[in-house]
Amino acid sequence: GEVFDGMGDVTYETFRKPFARELEVRSKEQALPGKAILRSLAESLEGGSRGMPLGHLEGLSREEIGEYCVRVFAPALEQVLHREVEMLKAKRMQDKESGVVEENNPKFATATFGKLTEFHEGLQGKIGLPNANLMEGIMDEHCRMDNSNDKFVPSNYKEIETTPKGEYLVVTDAEEGRRVSVDSNGRRLVWNWEELLENQKAKDAKLVKEEVIALVLYTGPMYRWYNAVLRGFPAEDVEAVKGNRYATTINCIVS
């Protein structure tokens, strides 16, 4: 197979496989109801105390732990996953009836990889240069493009229907961010970019306002469109961005 320059006998396929696997695992991790699973397992745990909640497990052998998992955790996990599947079915049916754009199940998405020439061209070769006025560029990409008012439902916030313009307002307007956080009943927390900018880690990294705003946008529903631009899949998402490359926003994210 094709060999990377300066990397000995490492082929492109050898280099690609761990990234493809990580993409698959991260997609599944994002899709799983993590909090519900942990809560269910915690409720199922027997014994223990407030000071040593897992203390009763210390004396168990590996075989006994395996039996414990089958007897205690498996039924609890089954109930959580069953509820999640039923919710997904109901949401899928609701989206189908309302005509909302629905994201493909990431577990069944097929990743596509570019050529080495694209790797050497870098980010700007793929999406273009950012606007010299970073804040203006970010606003234009979310509020003044053909897809700015198109509704969509992201996989990381399945209960939320939003738009790129709406997400820009949620992140840049503190009051709107607080409203969305409260209305989500704990399902979503919108970080205030001004507070993050004062964080010591942000100061150490010498982040500027536009970079922090872009990062907060990425941690929310908009990650779906940014990833579609960079990955070139799923085809439905690539089509849905309507040619919007989010060049300024993505350059700020990776800068």
C-alpha atoms as a PDB file:
ATOM      1  CA  GLY A   1       0.000   0.000   0.000  1.00  0.00           C
ATOM      2  CA  GLU A   2       0.911   3.658  -0.089  1.00  0.00           C
ATOM      3  CA  VAL A   3       3.666   4.532   2.390  1.00  0.00           C
ATOM      4  CA  PHE A   4       4.032   7.869   4.193  1.00  0.00           C
ATOM      5  CA  ASP A   5       7.232   9.770   3.541  1.00  0.00           C
ATOM      6  CA  GLY A   6       9.461   9.813   6.602  1.00  0.00           C
ATOM      7  CA  MET A   7       7.424   7.181   8.456  1.00  0.00           C
ATOM      8  CA  GLY A   8       9.319   4.044   7.503  1.00  0.00           C
ATOM      9  CA  ASP A   9       7.087   1.129   6.570  1.00  0.00           C
ATOM     10  CA  VAL A  10       3.881   2.657   7.943  1.00  0.00           C
ATOM     11  CA  THR A  11       1.229   2.355   5.246  1.00  0.00           C
ATOM     12  CA  TYR A  12      -1.769   4.598   4.800  1.00  0.00           C
ATOM     13  CA  GLU A  13      -4.078   1.751   5.843  1.00  0.00           C
ATOM     14  CA  THR A  14      -2.125   1.177   9.062  1.00  0.00           C
ATOM     15  CA  PHE A  15      -2.285   4.900   9.784  1.00  0.00           C
ATOM     16  CA  ARG A  16      -6.003   5.092   8.963  1.00  0.00           C
ATOM     17  CA  LYS A  17      -7.382   2.176  10.991  1.00  0.00           C
ATOM     18  CA  PRO A  18      -7.015   3.598  14.529  1.00  0.00           C
ATOM     19  CA  PHE A  19      -8.649   6.860  13.451  1.00  0.00           C
ATOM     20  CA  ALA A  20     -11.567   5.018  11.867  1.00  0.00           C
ATOM     21  CA  ARG A  21     -12.002   2.947  15.017  1.00  0.00           C
ATOM     22  CA  GLU A  22     -11.843   6.024  17.251  1.00  0.00           C
ATOM     23  CA  LEU A  23     -14.485   7.724  15.110  1.00  0.00           C
ATOM     24  CA  GLU A  24     -16.765   4.721  15.503  1.00  0.00           C
ATOM     25  CA  VAL A  25     -16.264   4.521  19.273  1.00  0.00           C
ATOM     26  CA  ARG A  26     -16.758   8.258  19.832  1.00  0.00           C
ATOM     27  CA  SER A  27     -19.958   8.221  17.778  1.00  0.00           C
ATOM     28  CA  LYS A  28     -21.360   5.401  19.901  1.00  0.00           C
ATOM     29  CA  GLU A  29     -20.210   7.122  23.087  1.00  0.00           C
ATOM     30  CA  GLN A  30     -22.080  10.294  22.119  1.00  0.00           C
ATOM     31  CA  ALA A  31     -25.212   8.343  21.213  1.00  0.00           C
ATOM     32  CA  LEU A  32     -25.437   6.397  24.484  1.00  0.00           C
ATOM     33  CA  PRO A  33     -27.482   7.899  27.357  1.00  0.00           C
ATOM     34  CA  GLY A  34     -24.513   8.127  29.719  1.00  0.00           C
ATOM     35  CA  LYS A  35     -26.206   9.779  32.700  1.00  0.00           C
ATOM     36  CA  ALA A  36     -29.172   7.425  32.592  1.00  0.00           C
ATOM     37  CA  ILE A  37     -26.873   4.395  32.469  1.00  0.00           C
ATOM     38  CA  LEU A  38     -24.788   5.552  35.428  1.00  0.00           C
ATOM     39  CA  ARG A  39     -27.891   6.403  37.439  1.00  0.00           C
ATOM     40  CA  SER A  40     -29.426   3.015  36.755  1.00  0.00           C
ATOM     41  CA  LEU A  41     -26.249   1.168  37.719  1.00  0.00           C
ATOM     42  CA  ALA A  42     -25.895   3.223  40.903  1.00  0.00           C
ATOM     43  CA  GLU A  43     -29.479   2.435  41.894  1.00  0.00           C
ATOM     44  CA  SER A  44     -28.828  -1.266  41.278  1.00  0.00           C
ATOM     45  CA  LEU A  45     -25.704  -1.478  43.439  1.00  0.00           C
ATOM     46  CA  GLU A  46     -26.196  -3.509  46.580  1.00  0.00           C
ATOM     47  CA  GLY A  47     -24.617  -2.719  49.928  1.00  0.00           C
ATOM     48  CA  GLY A  48     -21.892  -0.154  50.447  1.00  0.00           C
ATOM     49  CA  SER A  49     -22.037   3.046  52.458  1.00  0.00           C
ATOM     50  CA  ARG A  50     -21.857   6.779  51.884  1.00  0.00           C
ATOM     51  CA  GLY A  51     -18.195   6.807  52.831  1.00  0.00           C
ATOM     52  CA  MET A  52     -17.341   3.671  50.843  1.00  0.00           C
ATOM     53  CA  PRO A  53     -20.071   3.255  48.217  1.00  0.00           C
ATOM     54  CA  LEU A  54     -18.182   0.474  46.415  1.00  0.00           C
ATOM     55  CA  GLY A  55     -16.575  -1.066  49.475  1.00  0.00           C
ATOM     56  CA  HIS A  56     -18.693  -4.207  49.352  1.00  0.00           C
ATOM     57  CA  LEU A  57     -17.211  -5.094  45.957  1.00  0.00           C
ATOM     58  CA  GLU A  58     -13.609  -5.237  47.174  1.00  0.00           C
ATOM     59  CA  GLY A  59     -13.892  -8.764  48.504  1.00  0.00           C
ATOM     60  CA  LEU A  60     -15.307 -10.225  45.305  1.00  0.00           C
ATOM     61  CA  SER A  61     -13.203 -12.319  42.951  1.00  0.00           C
ATOM     62  CA  ARG A  62     -13.146 -11.719  39.206  1.00  0.00           C
ATOM     63  CA  GLU A  63     -15.616 -14.563  38.692  1.00  0.00           C
ATOM     64  CA  GLU A  64     -17.914 -13.216  41.405  1.00  0.00           C
ATOM     65  CA  ILE A  65     -17.809  -9.740  39.860  1.00  0.00           C
ATOM     66  CA  GLY A  66     -18.794 -11.278  36.536  1.00  0.00           C
ATOM     67  CA  GLU A  67     -21.727 -13.061  38.131  1.00  0.00           C
ATOM     68  CA  TYR A  68     -22.678  -9.857  39.955  1.00  0.00           C
ATOM     69  CA  CYS A  69     -22.741  -7.909  36.689  1.00  0.00           C
ATOM     70  CA  VAL A  70     -24.969 -10.490  35.029  1.00  0.00           C
ATOM     71  CA  ARG A  71     -27.348 -10.684  37.984  1.00  0.00           C
ATOM     72  CA  VAL A  72     -27.524  -6.993  38.970  1.00  0.00           C
ATOM     73  CA  PHE A  73     -26.271  -4.717  36.203  1.00  0.00           C
ATOM     74  CA  ALA A  74     -27.484  -6.511  33.082  1.00  0.00           C
ATOM     75  CA  PRO A  75     -31.231  -6.180  33.866  1.00  0.00           C
ATOM     76  CA  ALA A  76     -30.799  -2.506  34.792  1.00  0.00           C
ATOM     77  CA  LEU A  77     -28.837  -1.777  31.622  1.00  0.00           C
ATOM     78  CA  GLU A  78     -31.423  -3.618  29.550  1.00  0.00           C
ATOM     79  CA  GLN A  79     -34.184  -1.365  30.886  1.00  0.00           C
ATOM     80  CA  VAL A  80     -32.224   1.819  30.123  1.00  0.00           C
ATOM     81  CA  LEU A  81     -31.400   0.751  26.575  1.00  0.00           C
ATOM     82  CA  HIS A  82     -34.974  -0.371  25.981  1.00  0.00           C
ATOM     83  CA  ARG A  83     -36.271   3.059  27.021  1.00  0.00           C
ATOM     84  CA  GLU A  84     -33.665   4.741  24.824  1.00  0.00           C
ATOM     85  CA  VAL A  85     -34.645   2.669  21.794  1.00  0.00           C
ATOM     86  CA  GLU A  86     -38.320   3.464  22.321  1.00  0.00           C
ATOM     87  CA  MET A  87     -37.498   7.179  22.609  1.00  0.00           C
ATOM     88  CA  LEU A  88     -35.436   7.030  19.423  1.00  0.00           C
ATOM     89  CA  LYS A  89     -38.274   5.337  17.561  1.00  0.00           C
ATOM     90  CA  ALA A  90     -40.769   7.927  18.769  1.00  0.00           C
ATOM     91  CA  LYS A  91     -38.426  10.797  17.902  1.00  0.00           C
ATOM     92  CA  ARG A  92     -37.708   9.372  14.466  1.00  0.00           C
ATOM     93  CA  MET A  93     -41.419   9.076  13.771  1.00  0.00           C
ATOM     94  CA  GLN A  94     -42.032  12.614  15.017  1.00  0.00           C
ATOM     95  CA  ASP A  95     -39.240  14.010  12.836  1.00  0.00           C
ATOM     96  CA  LYS A  96     -40.558  12.127   9.834  1.00  0.00           C
ATOM     97  CA  GLU A  97     -44.026  13.571  10.331  1.00  0.00           C
ATOM     98  CA  SER A  98     -42.749  17.128  10.906  1.00  0.00           C
ATOM     99  CA  GLY A  99     -40.218  17.069   8.072  1.00  0.00           C
ATOM    100  CA  VAL A 100     -37.249  17.928  10.303  1.00  0.00           C
ATOM    101  CA  VAL A 101     -33.835  17.019   8.895  1.00  0.00           C
ATOM    102  CA  GLU A 102     -32.663  13.938  10.769  1.00  0.00           C
ATOM    103  CA  GLU A 103     -29.056  12.914  11.222  1.00  0.00           C
ATOM    104  CA  ASN A 104     -28.035   9.425  10.150  1.00  0.00           C
ATOM    105  CA  ASN A 105     -27.265   7.000  12.924  1.00  0.00           C
ATOM    106  CA  PRO A 106     -23.516   7.535  13.420  1.00  0.00           C
ATOM    107  CA  LYS A 107     -23.003   3.838  14.141  1.00  0.00           C
ATOM    108  CA  PHE A 108     -23.814   3.044  10.529  1.00  0.00           C
ATOM    109  CA  ALA A 109     -22.067   5.975   8.840  1.00  0.00           C
ATOM    110  CA  THR A 110     -19.274   5.087   6.442  1.00  0.00           C
ATOM    111  CA  ALA A 111     -16.177   7.226   6.859  1.00  0.00           C
ATOM    112  CA  THR A 112     -14.373   8.501   3.796  1.00  0.00           C
ATOM    113  CA  PHE A 113     -10.708   9.417   3.793  1.00  0.00           C
ATOM    114  CA  GLY A 114      -9.005  11.912   1.551  1.00  0.00           C
ATOM    115  CA  LYS A 115      -5.774  11.644  -0.370  1.00  0.00           C
ATOM    116  CA  LEU A 116      -2.299  12.557   0.831  1.00  0.00           C
ATOM    117  CA  THR A 117      -2.390  15.652  -1.353  1.00  0.00           C
ATOM    118  CA  GLU A 118      -5.350  16.911   0.670  1.00  0.00           C
ATOM    119  CA  PHE A 119      -3.424  16.259   3.872  1.00  0.00           C
ATOM    120  CA  HIS A 120      -0.509  18.368   2.661  1.00  0.00           C
ATOM    121  CA  GLU A 121      -2.823  21.162   1.487  1.00  0.00           C
ATOM    122  CA  GLY A 122      -3.972  21.599   5.060  1.00  0.00           C
ATOM    123  CA  LEU A 123      -7.171  23.059   6.433  1.00  0.00           C
ATOM    124  CA  GLN A 124      -7.183  26.163   4.267  1.00  0.00           C
ATOM    125  CA  GLY A 125      -6.820  24.057   1.162  1.00  0.00           C
ATOM    126  CA  LYS A 126      -9.991  22.209   2.149  1.00  0.00           C
ATOM    127  CA  ILE A 127     -12.294  24.958   3.423  1.00  0.00           C
ATOM    128  CA  GLY A 128     -10.599  28.218   2.449  1.00  0.00           C
ATOM    129  CA  LEU A 129      -9.286  31.230   4.336  1.00  0.00           C
ATOM    130  CA  PRO A 130     -11.141  32.824   7.260  1.00  0.00           C
ATOM    131  CA  ASN A 131     -12.626  36.296   7.124  1.00  0.00           C
ATOM    132  CA  ALA A 132     -10.020  38.850   8.218  1.00  0.00           C
ATOM    133  CA  ASN A 133     -12.676  40.171  10.605  1.00  0.00           C
ATOM    134  CA  LEU A 134     -13.161  36.971  12.598  1.00  0.00           C
ATOM    135  CA  MET A 135     -16.319  37.972  14.458  1.00  0.00           C
ATOM    136  CA  GLU A 136     -17.970  39.189  11.288  1.00  0.00           C
ATOM    137  CA  GLY A 137     -17.037  35.954   9.553  1.00  0.00           C
ATOM    138  CA  ILE A 138     -18.495  33.773  12.316  1.00  0.00           C
ATOM    139  CA  MET A 139     -21.711  35.787  12.340  1.00  0.00           C
ATOM    140  CA  ASP A 140     -22.055  35.663   8.553  1.00  0.00           C
ATOM    141  CA  GLU A 141     -21.540  31.897   8.465  1.00  0.00           C
ATOM    142  CA  HIS A 142     -24.314  31.325  10.994  1.00  0.00           C
ATOM    143  CA  CYS A 143     -26.771  34.141  10.277  1.00  0.00           C
ATOM    144  CA  ARG A 144     -26.467  35.135   6.614  1.00  0.00           C
ATOM    145  CA  MET A 145     -26.021  31.907   4.675  1.00  0.00           C
ATOM    146  CA  ASP A 146     -28.564  29.818   2.781  1.00  0.00           C
ATOM    147  CA  ASN A 147     -28.781  27.261   5.601  1.00  0.00           C
ATOM    148  CA  SER A 148     -28.843  29.763   8.486  1.00  0.00           C
ATOM    149  CA  ASN A 149     -32.552  29.308   9.219  1.00  0.00           C
ATOM    150  CA  ASP A 150     -32.813  25.601   8.393  1.00  0.00           C
ATOM    151  CA  LYS A 151     -34.024  23.531  11.341  1.00  0.00           C
ATOM    152  CA  PHE A 152     -32.155  20.396  12.396  1.00  0.00           C
ATOM    153  CA  VAL A 153     -31.869  17.972  15.307  1.00  0.00           C
ATOM    154  CA  PRO A 154     -28.328  17.007  16.425  1.00  0.00           C
ATOM    155  CA  SER A 155     -27.475  13.569  17.770  1.00  0.00           C
ATOM    156  CA  ASN A 156     -25.926  14.966  20.961  1.00  0.00           C
ATOM    157  CA  TYR A 157     -29.118  16.881  21.868  1.00  0.00           C
ATOM    158  CA  LYS A 158     -31.916  14.715  20.488  1.00  0.00           C
ATOM    159  CA  GLU A 159     -34.641  16.714  22.232  1.00  0.00           C
ATOM    160  CA  ILE A 160     -33.544  20.004  20.649  1.00  0.00           C
ATOM    161  CA  GLU A 161     -34.649  21.477  17.337  1.00  0.00           C
ATOM    162  CA  THR A 162     -32.481  24.418  16.373  1.00  0.00           C
ATOM    163  CA  THR A 163     -30.934  26.432  13.524  1.00  0.00           C
ATOM    164  CA  PRO A 164     -27.416  27.779  12.866  1.00  0.00           C
ATOM    165  CA  LYS A 165     -28.667  31.326  13.441  1.00  0.00           C
ATOM    166  CA  GLY A 166     -30.339  30.282  16.668  1.00  0.00           C
ATOM    167  CA  GLU A 167     -27.146  28.628  17.898  1.00  0.00           C
ATOM    168  CA  TYR A 168     -25.134  31.759  17.160  1.00  0.00           C
ATOM    169  CA  LEU A 169     -27.536  33.779  19.309  1.00  0.00           C
ATOM    170  CA  VAL A 170     -27.491  31.161  22.081  1.00  0.00           C
ATOM    171  CA  VAL A 171     -23.701  31.364  22.313  1.00  0.00           C
ATOM    172  CA  THR A 172     -23.142  35.102  21.807  1.00  0.00           C
ATOM    173  CA  ASP A 173     -26.101  36.418  23.830  1.00  0.00           C
ATOM    174  CA  ALA A 174     -25.707  35.633  27.536  1.00  0.00           C
ATOM    175  CA  GLU A 175     -29.425  35.971  28.287  1.00  0.00           C
ATOM    176  CA  GLU A 176     -30.369  33.630  25.451  1.00  0.00           C
ATOM    177  CA  GLY A 177     -27.762  31.141  26.621  1.00  0.00           C
ATOM    178  CA  ARG A 178     -29.182  31.162  30.145  1.00  0.00           C
ATOM    179  CA  ARG A 179     -32.724  30.773  28.830  1.00  0.00           C
ATOM    180  CA  VAL A 180     -31.808  27.738  26.744  1.00  0.00           C
ATOM    181  CA  SER A 181     -29.936  26.180  29.667  1.00  0.00           C
ATOM    182  CA  VAL A 182     -32.948  26.615  31.971  1.00  0.00           C
ATOM    183  CA  ASP A 183     -35.521  25.481  29.403  1.00  0.00           C
ATOM    184  CA  SER A 184     -33.570  22.293  28.679  1.00  0.00           C
ATOM    185  CA  ASN A 185     -34.221  21.014  32.234  1.00  0.00           C
ATOM    186  CA  GLY A 186     -30.608  20.011  32.728  1.00  0.00           C
ATOM    187  CA  ARG A 187     -30.130  18.394  29.323  1.00  0.00           C
ATOM    188  CA  ARG A 188     -27.919  21.219  28.084  1.00  0.00           C
ATOM    189  CA  LEU A 189     -25.623  23.797  29.663  1.00  0.00           C
ATOM    190  CA  VAL A 190     -24.484  26.701  27.496  1.00  0.00           C
ATOM    191  CA  TRP A 191     -21.162  28.051  28.724  1.00  0.00           C
ATOM    192  CA  ASN A 192     -20.797  31.826  28.877  1.00  0.00           C
ATOM    193  CA  TRP A 193     -17.948  32.716  26.525  1.00  0.00           C
ATOM    194  CA  GLU A 194     -16.947  35.776  28.563  1.00  0.00           C
ATOM    195  CA  GLU A 195     -16.495  33.669  31.691  1.00  0.00           C
ATOM    196  CA  LEU A 196     -14.527  31.066  29.747  1.00  0.00           C
ATOM    197  CA  LEU A 197     -12.281  33.767  28.341  1.00  0.00           C
ATOM    198  CA  GLU A 198     -11.307  34.673  31.915  1.00  0.00           C
ATOM    199  CA  ASN A 199     -10.498  31.059  32.763  1.00  0.00           C
ATOM    200  CA  GLN A 200      -6.811  30.564  33.524  1.00  0.00           C
ATOM    201  CA  LYS A 201      -6.467  27.805  30.943  1.00  0.00           C
ATOM    202  CA  ALA A 202      -7.862  30.116  28.275  1.00  0.00           C
ATOM    203  CA  LYS A 203      -5.426  32.805  29.352  1.00  0.00           C
ATOM    204  CA  ASP A 204      -2.514  30.369  29.304  1.00  0.00           C
ATOM    205  CA  ALA A 205      -3.492  29.337  25.776  1.00  0.00           C
ATOM    206  CA  LYS A 206      -3.825  33.027  24.820  1.00  0.00           C
ATOM    207  CA  LEU A 207      -7.276  32.422  23.358  1.00  0.00           C
ATOM    208  CA  VAL A 208      -9.148  35.390  21.946  1.00  0.00           C
ATOM    209  CA  LYS A 209     -12.877  36.100  22.007  1.00  0.00           C
ATOM    210  CA  GLU A 210     -13.569  34.632  18.567  1.00  0.00           C
ATOM    211  CA  GLU A 211     -11.743  31.390  19.350  1.00  0.00           C
ATOM    212  CA  VAL A 212     -13.706  30.870  22.560  1.00  0.00           C
ATOM    213  CA  ILE A 213     -17.027  31.575  20.827  1.00  0.00           C
ATOM    214  CA  ALA A 214     -16.147  29.123  18.058  1.00  0.00           C
ATOM    215  CA  LEU A 215     -15.244  26.459  20.623  1.00  0.00           C
ATOM    216  CA  VAL A 216     -18.518  26.931  22.498  1.00  0.00           C
ATOM    217  CA  LEU A 217     -20.398  26.639  19.201  1.00  0.00           C
ATOM    218  CA  TYR A 218     -18.568  23.392  18.487  1.00  0.00           C
ATOM    219  CA  THR A 219     -19.551  21.863  21.838  1.00  0.00           C
ATOM    220  CA  GLY A 220     -23.218  22.368  20.953  1.00  0.00           C
ATOM    221  CA  PRO A 221     -25.424  21.208  18.071  1.00  0.00           C
ATOM    222  CA  MET A 222     -23.339  23.013  15.431  1.00  0.00           C
ATOM    223  CA  TYR A 223     -20.622  20.370  15.665  1.00  0.00           C
ATOM    224  CA  ARG A 224     -22.767  18.375  13.232  1.00  0.00           C
ATOM    225  CA  TRP A 225     -22.341  20.838  10.373  1.00  0.00           C
ATOM    226  CA  TYR A 226     -18.651  21.538  11.054  1.00  0.00           C
ATOM    227  CA  ASN A 227     -17.909  17.810  10.987  1.00  0.00           C
ATOM    228  CA  ALA A 228     -19.861  17.380   7.760  1.00  0.00           C
ATOM    229  CA  VAL A 229     -17.704  20.042   6.109  1.00  0.00           C
ATOM    230  CA  LEU A 230     -14.460  18.468   7.306  1.00  0.00           C
ATOM    231  CA  ARG A 231     -15.375  14.807   6.807  1.00  0.00           C
ATOM    232  CA  GLY A 232     -17.401  15.082   3.631  1.00  0.00           C
ATOM    233  CA  PHE A 233     -20.123  12.784   5.007  1.00  0.00           C
ATOM    234  CA  PRO A 234     -22.918  11.902   5.612  1.00  0.00           C
ATOM    235  CA  ALA A 235     -24.062  12.989   2.166  1.00  0.00           C
ATOM    236  CA  GLU A 236     -27.322  14.379   3.574  1.00  0.00           C
ATOM    237  CA  ASP A 237     -25.426  16.665   5.944  1.00  0.00           C
ATOM    238  CA  VAL A 238     -23.005  17.824   3.272  1.00  0.00           C
ATOM    239  CA  GLU A 239     -25.987  18.751   1.128  1.00  0.00           C
ATOM    240  CA  ALA A 240     -27.769  20.393   4.063  1.00  0.00           C
ATOM    241  CA  VAL A 241     -25.007  22.966   4.678  1.00  0.00           C
ATOM    242  CA  LYS A 242     -25.710  24.291   1.158  1.00  0.00           C
ATOM    243  CA  GLY A 243     -22.101  25.120   0.364  1.00  0.00           C
ATOM    244  CA  ASN A 244     -21.420  26.865   3.677  1.00  0.00           C
ATOM    245  CA  ARG A 245     -17.824  25.954   4.540  1.00  0.00           C
ATOM    246  CA  TYR A 246     -17.781  27.649   7.968  1.00  0.00           C
ATOM    247  CA  ALA A 247     -14.203  28.637   7.115  1.00  0.00           C
ATOM    248  CA  THR A 248     -13.821  31.341   9.754  1.00  0.00           C
ATOM    249  CA  THR A 249     -15.458  29.333  12.532  1.00  0.00           C
ATOM    250  CA  ILE A 250     -13.513  26.140  11.877  1.00  0.00           C
ATOM    251  CA  ASN A 251     -10.213  27.997  11.537  1.00  0.00           C
ATOM    252  CA  CYS A 252     -10.901  29.600  14.927  1.00  0.00           C
ATOM    253  CA  ILE A 253     -11.669  26.195  16.446  1.00  0.00           C
ATOM    254  CA  VAL A 254      -8.374  24.650  15.350  1.00  0.00           C
ATOM    255  CA  SER A 255      -6.180  27.737  15.729  1.00  0.00           C
END
